[in-house]
N, C-alpha and C. Protein backbone atom coordinates (compact mmCIF):
# COMPACT_ATOMS: atom_id res chain seq x y z
N MET A 1 -112.56 -53.27 3.72
CA MET A 1 -112.95 -52.51 3.40
C MET A 1 -112.02 -51.14 2.80
N PRO A 2 -112.73 -50.72 1.53
CA PRO A 2 -112.03 -49.96 0.57
C PRO A 2 -111.14 -48.59 0.79
N SER A 3 -109.98 -48.69 0.48
CA SER A 3 -109.23 -47.65 0.58
C SER A 3 -109.43 -46.10 0.34
N SER A 4 -109.34 -44.87 1.35
CA SER A 4 -109.65 -43.74 0.99
C SER A 4 -108.74 -42.93 0.00
N ARG A 5 -109.31 -41.94 -0.80
CA ARG A 5 -108.69 -41.62 -1.64
C ARG A 5 -108.31 -40.09 -1.04
N LYS A 6 -107.36 -39.32 -1.25
CA LYS A 6 -106.44 -38.27 -0.42
C LYS A 6 -107.59 -37.34 -0.06
N ALA A 7 -107.24 -37.12 0.93
CA ALA A 7 -108.68 -36.18 1.58
C ALA A 7 -110.13 -36.77 1.93
N GLU A 8 -110.38 -37.60 1.47
CA GLU A 8 -111.64 -38.63 1.52
C GLU A 8 -111.22 -39.55 3.55
N ARG A 9 -112.86 -39.34 3.52
CA ARG A 9 -112.76 -40.09 4.90
C ARG A 9 -114.36 -40.91 4.92
N ILE A 10 -114.02 -42.25 4.61
CA ILE A 10 -114.78 -43.43 4.50
C ILE A 10 -115.70 -43.44 5.72
N GLY A 11 -117.45 -43.43 5.22
CA GLY A 11 -118.16 -43.47 6.36
C GLY A 11 -118.09 -42.09 6.93
N GLY A 12 -117.55 -40.93 6.29
CA GLY A 12 -117.79 -39.37 6.31
C GLY A 12 -119.38 -38.84 6.16
N GLY A 13 -120.32 -39.63 5.22
CA GLY A 13 -121.30 -39.57 5.12
C GLY A 13 -121.90 -37.98 4.50
N HIS A 14 -120.86 -37.21 3.71
CA HIS A 14 -121.22 -36.13 2.99
C HIS A 14 -120.87 -36.46 1.38
N PHE A 15 -122.21 -36.46 0.46
CA PHE A 15 -121.53 -35.87 -1.18
C PHE A 15 -121.56 -34.98 -1.96
N VAL A 16 -120.95 -34.81 -3.02
CA VAL A 16 -121.19 -33.42 -3.69
C VAL A 16 -122.21 -34.42 -5.32
N PHE A 17 -123.01 -34.06 -5.62
CA PHE A 17 -123.28 -34.65 -6.83
C PHE A 17 -124.19 -33.78 -7.99
N LYS A 18 -124.46 -34.10 -8.65
CA LYS A 18 -125.11 -32.91 -9.84
C LYS A 18 -126.36 -33.97 -10.63
N ARG A 19 -127.01 -32.85 -10.69
CA ARG A 19 -128.26 -33.70 -11.85
C ARG A 19 -127.82 -33.53 -12.96
N GLY A 20 -128.24 -34.49 -13.96
CA GLY A 20 -127.90 -35.11 -15.21
C GLY A 20 -129.67 -34.19 -15.91
N SER A 21 -129.36 -34.04 -17.38
CA SER A 21 -130.82 -33.07 -17.92
C SER A 21 -131.98 -33.72 -17.76
N HIS A 22 -131.80 -35.17 -17.25
CA HIS A 22 -133.20 -35.62 -17.02
C HIS A 22 -133.70 -35.42 -15.31
N GLY A 23 -132.72 -34.55 -14.75
CA GLY A 23 -133.06 -34.15 -13.43
C GLY A 23 -132.84 -35.37 -12.40
N ARG A 24 -132.44 -36.54 -12.80
CA ARG A 24 -131.88 -37.47 -11.71
C ARG A 24 -130.46 -37.22 -11.33
N ILE A 25 -129.88 -37.35 -10.04
CA ILE A 25 -128.85 -37.13 -9.51
C ILE A 25 -127.85 -37.93 -10.24
N HIS A 26 -126.81 -37.70 -11.01
CA HIS A 26 -126.34 -38.28 -11.84
C HIS A 26 -124.71 -38.94 -11.33
N PRO A 27 -124.90 -39.91 -9.83
CA PRO A 27 -123.58 -40.02 -9.81
C PRO A 27 -122.25 -40.55 -9.93
N ASN A 28 -121.20 -40.26 -10.16
CA ASN A 28 -119.57 -40.83 -9.86
C ASN A 28 -119.84 -42.69 -9.65
N GLN A 29 -119.21 -42.91 -10.04
CA GLN A 29 -119.48 -44.54 -9.80
C GLN A 29 -119.01 -44.52 -8.59
N TRP A 30 -117.85 -43.53 -8.18
CA TRP A 30 -116.61 -44.21 -7.23
C TRP A 30 -117.07 -42.69 -6.30
N PRO A 31 -118.29 -42.44 -6.14
CA PRO A 31 -118.33 -40.66 -5.06
C PRO A 31 -117.60 -40.52 -4.15
N PHE A 32 -116.96 -39.83 -3.92
CA PHE A 32 -115.87 -39.14 -2.94
C PHE A 32 -116.58 -38.52 -1.86
N GLU A 33 -116.10 -39.55 -0.19
CA GLU A 33 -116.89 -39.03 0.92
C GLU A 33 -116.27 -38.22 1.52
N HIS A 34 -116.92 -37.37 1.82
CA HIS A 34 -116.32 -35.90 2.39
C HIS A 34 -116.77 -35.92 4.09
N ALA A 35 -115.95 -35.86 4.75
CA ALA A 35 -115.89 -36.04 6.10
C ALA A 35 -116.55 -35.23 6.77
N SER A 36 -117.23 -33.64 6.53
CA SER A 36 -118.21 -32.61 6.77
C SER A 36 -118.93 -32.27 5.93
N ALA A 37 -120.13 -31.36 6.16
CA ALA A 37 -120.65 -30.95 5.31
C ALA A 37 -120.14 -29.52 4.70
N GLU A 38 -119.31 -29.10 5.55
CA GLU A 38 -118.53 -27.72 5.34
C GLU A 38 -117.29 -28.39 4.03
N SER A 39 -116.84 -29.44 3.90
CA SER A 39 -115.68 -29.62 3.18
C SER A 39 -116.62 -29.98 2.05
N ALA A 40 -117.83 -30.57 1.93
CA ALA A 40 -118.58 -31.21 0.66
C ALA A 40 -118.99 -30.00 0.09
N SER A 41 -119.35 -28.68 0.88
CA SER A 41 -119.71 -27.82 0.39
C SER A 41 -118.86 -26.80 -0.52
N THR A 42 -117.67 -26.81 0.20
CA THR A 42 -116.84 -26.45 -0.77
C THR A 42 -116.32 -26.78 -1.60
N GLU A 43 -116.38 -28.15 -1.67
CA GLU A 43 -116.30 -28.91 -3.28
C GLU A 43 -116.89 -28.59 -3.96
N ALA A 44 -118.25 -28.66 -3.68
CA ALA A 44 -119.25 -28.08 -4.44
C ALA A 44 -119.11 -26.79 -5.54
N LYS A 45 -118.85 -25.67 -4.53
CA LYS A 45 -118.66 -24.33 -4.75
C LYS A 45 -117.44 -24.49 -5.70
N ARG A 46 -116.22 -25.30 -5.48
CA ARG A 46 -115.18 -25.22 -6.66
C ARG A 46 -115.84 -25.90 -7.52
N LEU A 47 -116.54 -27.20 -8.07
CA LEU A 47 -116.96 -27.73 -8.94
C LEU A 47 -117.71 -26.90 -9.70
N ARG A 48 -118.65 -26.19 -9.19
CA ARG A 48 -119.25 -25.40 -9.77
C ARG A 48 -118.51 -23.99 -10.42
N ASP A 49 -117.72 -23.55 -9.70
CA ASP A 49 -117.13 -22.44 -10.34
C ASP A 49 -116.04 -22.97 -11.63
N LEU A 50 -116.04 -24.03 -11.40
CA LEU A 50 -114.68 -24.81 -12.58
C LEU A 50 -115.58 -24.96 -13.91
N THR A 51 -116.87 -25.24 -13.56
CA THR A 51 -117.90 -25.95 -14.88
C THR A 51 -118.78 -25.08 -15.18
N GLY A 52 -119.41 -24.46 -13.85
CA GLY A 52 -120.32 -23.33 -14.52
C GLY A 52 -121.67 -23.79 -14.10
N GLU A 53 -121.18 -25.14 -13.35
CA GLU A 53 -123.07 -25.73 -13.95
C GLU A 53 -123.26 -26.43 -12.04
N PRO A 54 -124.65 -26.36 -11.80
CA PRO A 54 -125.25 -26.44 -10.41
C PRO A 54 -124.41 -28.03 -9.84
N PHE A 55 -124.26 -27.94 -8.48
CA PHE A 55 -123.68 -29.24 -7.85
C PHE A 55 -124.69 -28.76 -6.59
N GLU A 56 -124.93 -29.71 -5.94
CA GLU A 56 -125.38 -30.42 -4.89
C GLU A 56 -124.99 -31.08 -3.71
N VAL A 57 -124.80 -30.93 -2.54
CA VAL A 57 -124.57 -31.98 -1.06
C VAL A 57 -125.42 -32.42 -0.35
N TYR A 58 -125.52 -33.71 -0.26
CA TYR A 58 -126.11 -34.29 0.48
C TYR A 58 -125.40 -35.53 1.65
N SER A 59 -126.21 -35.44 2.47
CA SER A 59 -125.67 -35.59 3.95
C SER A 59 -126.46 -37.26 4.26
N ARG A 60 -125.55 -38.40 4.45
CA ARG A 60 -126.31 -39.43 5.26
C ARG A 60 -127.27 -38.87 6.64
N VAL A 61 -128.23 -39.42 6.52
CA VAL A 61 -129.16 -38.65 7.97
C VAL A 61 -129.34 -40.31 8.98
N ALA A 62 -129.32 -40.99 8.82
CA ALA A 62 -129.80 -42.30 9.30
C ALA A 62 -128.63 -43.67 8.75
N LYS A 63 -128.66 -44.03 9.46
CA LYS A 63 -127.84 -45.52 8.95
C LYS A 63 -128.28 -47.16 9.98
N PHE A 64 -128.60 -47.46 9.16
CA PHE A 64 -129.31 -49.15 9.89
C PHE A 64 -128.21 -50.45 9.80
N GLU A 65 -127.72 -50.37 11.36
CA GLU A 65 -126.40 -51.94 10.87
C GLU A 65 -127.60 -53.12 10.98
N ALA A 66 -127.00 -54.22 10.32
CA ALA A 66 -127.39 -55.59 10.62
C ALA A 66 -127.77 -55.95 11.48
N ALA A 67 -129.00 -56.26 11.92
CA ALA A 67 -129.34 -57.01 13.04
C ALA A 67 -128.52 -58.23 13.71
N VAL A 68 -128.25 -58.24 14.94
CA VAL A 68 -127.71 -58.92 16.10
C VAL A 68 -128.12 -60.23 16.01
N GLN A 69 -128.27 -61.03 15.72
CA GLN A 69 -129.05 -62.40 16.68
C GLN A 69 -128.13 -63.05 17.64
N GLU A 70 -129.02 -62.90 18.92
CA GLU A 70 -128.51 -63.40 19.83
C GLU A 70 -128.90 -65.32 20.03
N THR A 71 -127.84 -65.69 19.62
CA THR A 71 -128.11 -67.59 20.14
C THR A 71 -128.70 -67.69 21.88
N ALA A 72 -129.39 -68.82 22.00
CA ALA A 72 -129.78 -68.75 22.81
C ALA A 72 -128.94 -69.95 23.80
């Protein structure tokens, strides 16, 4: 499992992104994963205030694990 960065929670499911000039989400190569939507929103507002650009918060809505095959 990858190591988390300070204040990051791997598996937290909340991310901050901005859109590029083309309108697509412009992800970081290693997006920072927040433990709560509130934490991600706080970061999005901080980045907006810092850069003057809009940022968006996305949260995981579903997770599908690999199916476990039973042996007879």
